[in-house]
C-alpha atoms as a PDB file:
ATOM      1  CA  MET A   1       0.000   0.000   0.000  1.00  0.00           C
ATOM      2  CA  LEU A   2       1.016   3.591  -0.486  1.00  0.00           C
ATOM      3  CA  GLY A   3       1.244   4.267   3.246  1.00  0.00           C
ATOM      4  CA  ASN A   4       4.020   1.719   3.555  1.00  0.00           C
ATOM      5  CA  ILE A   5       6.344   2.926   0.795  1.00  0.00           C
ATOM      6  CA  GLN A   6       9.852   1.614   1.217  1.00  0.00           C
ATOM      7  CA  PRO A   7      13.004   3.006  -0.421  1.00  0.00           C
ATOM      8  CA  VAL A   8      13.403  -0.191  -2.490  1.00  0.00           C
ATOM      9  CA  ASP A   9       9.957   0.535  -4.015  1.00  0.00           C
ATOM     10  CA  LEU A  10      11.565   3.613  -5.564  1.00  0.00           C
ATOM     11  CA  GLY A  11      14.646   1.745  -6.765  1.00  0.00           C
ATOM     12  CA  LEU A  12      16.845   2.994  -3.916  1.00  0.00           C
ATOM     13  CA  PRO A  13      19.469   0.723  -2.316  1.00  0.00           C
ATOM     14  CA  ASP A  14      18.346  -1.350   0.666  1.00  0.00           C
ATOM     15  CA  THR A  15      20.695   0.574   2.985  1.00  0.00           C
ATOM     16  CA  VAL A  16      18.519   3.689   2.548  1.00  0.00           C
ATOM     17  CA  GLU A  17      15.870   4.177   5.231  1.00  0.00           C
ATOM     18  CA  CYS A  18      12.660   6.197   5.219  1.00  0.00           C
ATOM     19  CA  CYS A  19      13.081   8.664   8.107  1.00  0.00           C
ATOM     20  CA  THR A  20       9.665  10.280   7.860  1.00  0.00           C
ATOM     21  CA  ALA A  21       6.717  10.552   5.520  1.00  0.00           C
ATOM     22  CA  PHE A  22       3.838  12.982   5.166  1.00  0.00           C
ATOM     23  CA  LEU A  23       1.502  11.354   2.655  1.00  0.00           C
ATOM     24  CA  THR A  24      -1.854  12.399   1.260  1.00  0.00           C
ATOM     25  CA  PRO A  25      -3.577   9.424  -0.362  1.00  0.00           C
ATOM     26  CA  GLU A  26      -5.955  10.100  -3.241  1.00  0.00           C
ATOM     27  CA  VAL A  27      -8.089   7.999  -5.551  1.00  0.00           C
ATOM     28  CA  VAL A  28      -8.059   9.019  -9.212  1.00  0.00           C
ATOM     29  CA  ALA A  29     -10.775   7.948 -11.615  1.00  0.00           C
ATOM     30  CA  GLY A  30     -10.591   8.274 -15.376  1.00  0.00           C
ATOM     31  CA  TRP A  31     -12.422   7.689 -18.620  1.00  0.00           C
ATOM     32  CA  ASN A  32     -11.231   5.732 -21.645  1.00  0.00           C
ATOM     33  CA  ALA A  33     -12.760   7.706 -24.507  1.00  0.00           C
ATOM     34  CA  ALA A  34     -11.745   5.150 -27.161  1.00  0.00           C
ATOM     35  CA  GLN A  35     -13.625   2.335 -25.432  1.00  0.00           C
ATOM     36  CA  GLY A  36     -16.305   4.481 -23.842  1.00  0.00           C
ATOM     37  CA  LEU A  37     -15.598   2.892 -20.468  1.00  0.00           C
ATOM     38  CA  PRO A  38     -14.370   4.129 -17.112  1.00  0.00           C
ATOM     39  CA  LYS A  39     -10.777   3.420 -16.194  1.00  0.00           C
ATOM     40  CA  PRO A  40     -10.172   1.517 -12.967  1.00  0.00           C
ATOM     41  CA  ASP A  41      -9.557   3.731  -9.947  1.00  0.00           C
ATOM     42  CA  THR A  42      -5.886   4.376  -9.256  1.00  0.00           C
ATOM     43  CA  HIS A  43      -4.566   4.979  -5.756  1.00  0.00           C
ATOM     44  CA  THR A  44      -2.016   7.792  -5.733  1.00  0.00           C
ATOM     45  CA  LEU A  45      -0.031  10.044  -3.452  1.00  0.00           C
ATOM     46  CA  GLY A  46      -1.445  13.542  -3.608  1.00  0.00           C
ATOM     47  CA  ARG A  47       0.419  16.745  -4.319  1.00  0.00           C
ATOM     48  CA  GLY A  48       2.468  17.880  -1.384  1.00  0.00           C
ATOM     49  CA  SER A  49       3.231  14.381  -0.125  1.00  0.00           C
ATOM     50  CA  VAL A  50       6.763  14.206   1.267  1.00  0.00           C
ATOM     51  CA  LEU A  51       9.169  11.334   1.872  1.00  0.00           C
ATOM     52  CA  ALA A  52      12.463  11.924   3.677  1.00  0.00           C
ATOM     53  CA  PHE A  53      15.229   9.342   3.497  1.00  0.00           C
ATOM     54  CA  CYS A  54      18.424   8.722   5.447  1.00  0.00           C
ATOM     55  CA  ALA A  55      21.372   7.172   3.643  1.00  0.00           C
ATOM     56  CA  PRO A  56      25.060   6.565   4.219  1.00  0.00           C
ATOM     57  CA  LYS A  57      27.296   9.308   2.780  1.00  0.00           C
ATOM     58  CA  SER A  58      29.081   6.623   0.746  1.00  0.00           C
ATOM     59  CA  LEU A  59      25.964   6.300  -1.477  1.00  0.00           C
ATOM     60  CA  GLU A  60      25.864   9.979  -2.441  1.00  0.00           C
ATOM     61  CA  SER A  61      26.893   9.659  -6.112  1.00  0.00           C
ATOM     62  CA  GLU A  62      24.781   6.524  -6.681  1.00  0.00           C
ATOM     63  CA  LEU A  63      21.741   8.192  -5.116  1.00  0.00           C
ATOM     64  CA  GLN A  64      22.207  11.342  -7.178  1.00  0.00           C
ATOM     65  CA  GLU A  65      21.951   9.254 -10.355  1.00  0.00           C
ATOM     66  CA  ILE A  66      18.893   7.317  -9.166  1.00  0.00           C
ATOM     67  CA  LEU A  67      17.073  10.395  -7.894  1.00  0.00           C
ATOM     68  CA  HIS A  68      17.862  12.414 -11.036  1.00  0.00           C
ATOM     69  CA  LYS A  69      16.388   9.600 -13.128  1.00  0.00           C
ATOM     70  CA  LEU A  70      13.259   9.440 -10.937  1.00  0.00           C
ATOM     71  CA  GLU A  71      12.798  13.196 -11.198  1.00  0.00           C
ATOM     72  CA  SER A  72      13.216  13.263 -14.980  1.00  0.00           C
ATOM     73  CA  GLU A  73      11.254  10.101 -15.855  1.00  0.00           C
ATOM     74  CA  GLY A  74       8.626  10.101 -13.123  1.00  0.00           C
ATOM     75  CA  LEU A  75       7.327   7.238 -11.073  1.00  0.00           C
ATOM     76  CA  GLY A  76       4.446   4.788 -11.212  1.00  0.00           C
ATOM     77  CA  GLU A  77       1.495   4.406 -13.542  1.00  0.00           C
ATOM     78  CA  ARG A  78      -0.065   6.721 -16.122  1.00  0.00           C
ATOM     79  CA  PRO A  79       2.845   9.158 -16.546  1.00  0.00           C
ATOM     80  CA  ALA A  80       1.463  10.217 -19.945  1.00  0.00           C
ATOM     81  CA  GLU A  81      -1.520  11.626 -18.030  1.00  0.00           C
ATOM     82  CA  GLY A  82       0.710  13.691 -15.755  1.00  0.00           C
ATOM     83  CA  PHE A  83       0.923  11.292 -12.834  1.00  0.00           C
ATOM     84  CA  GLY A  84       4.169  10.299 -11.148  1.00  0.00           C
ATOM     85  CA  GLN A  85       5.906  13.668 -11.243  1.00  0.00           C
ATOM     86  CA  LEU A  86       8.194  14.312  -8.309  1.00  0.00           C
ATOM     87  CA  THR A  87      10.738  16.804  -7.107  1.00  0.00           C
ATOM     88  CA  VAL A  88      13.944  15.820  -5.350  1.00  0.00           C
ATOM     89  CA  CYS A  89      15.351  18.297  -2.825  1.00  0.00           C
ATOM     90  CA  HIS A  90      13.201  21.251  -3.840  1.00  0.00           C
ATOM     91  CA  SER A  91      15.043  24.540  -3.442  1.00  0.00           C
ATOM     92  CA  PHE A  92      12.315  25.598  -0.998  1.00  0.00           C
ATOM     93  CA  HIS A  93      13.845  23.214   1.532  1.00  0.00           C
ATOM     94  CA  LEU A  94      17.432  24.337   1.133  1.00  0.00           C
ATOM     95  CA  LYS A  95      18.864  26.636   3.745  1.00  0.00           C
ATOM     96  CA  GLU A  96      20.396  29.748   2.273  1.00  0.00           C
ATOM     97  CA  GLY A  97      22.936  31.935   4.031  1.00  0.00           C
ATOM     98  CA  LYS A  98      22.172  35.608   4.555  1.00  0.00           C
END
């Protein structure tokens, strides 16, 4: 289930741990116009959901590659419909010196 997301579910090494998560579950319906039928409901994480991970410093370069790929390609089902977009280390969360 979405509430029990583990780092390996995202393709991260098994030495990475989920430190905290703030998740907003949502159910998304859809319509298949070609077949004139409803699409099955899809369970998703809503906008603003946050996952924070802890990892050994030795994995830094490997994680940068994995996370860059996740951010550029997206995650999960129905990416052509705009689902699965994510942001890694949004600049909003970075501390800036004054």
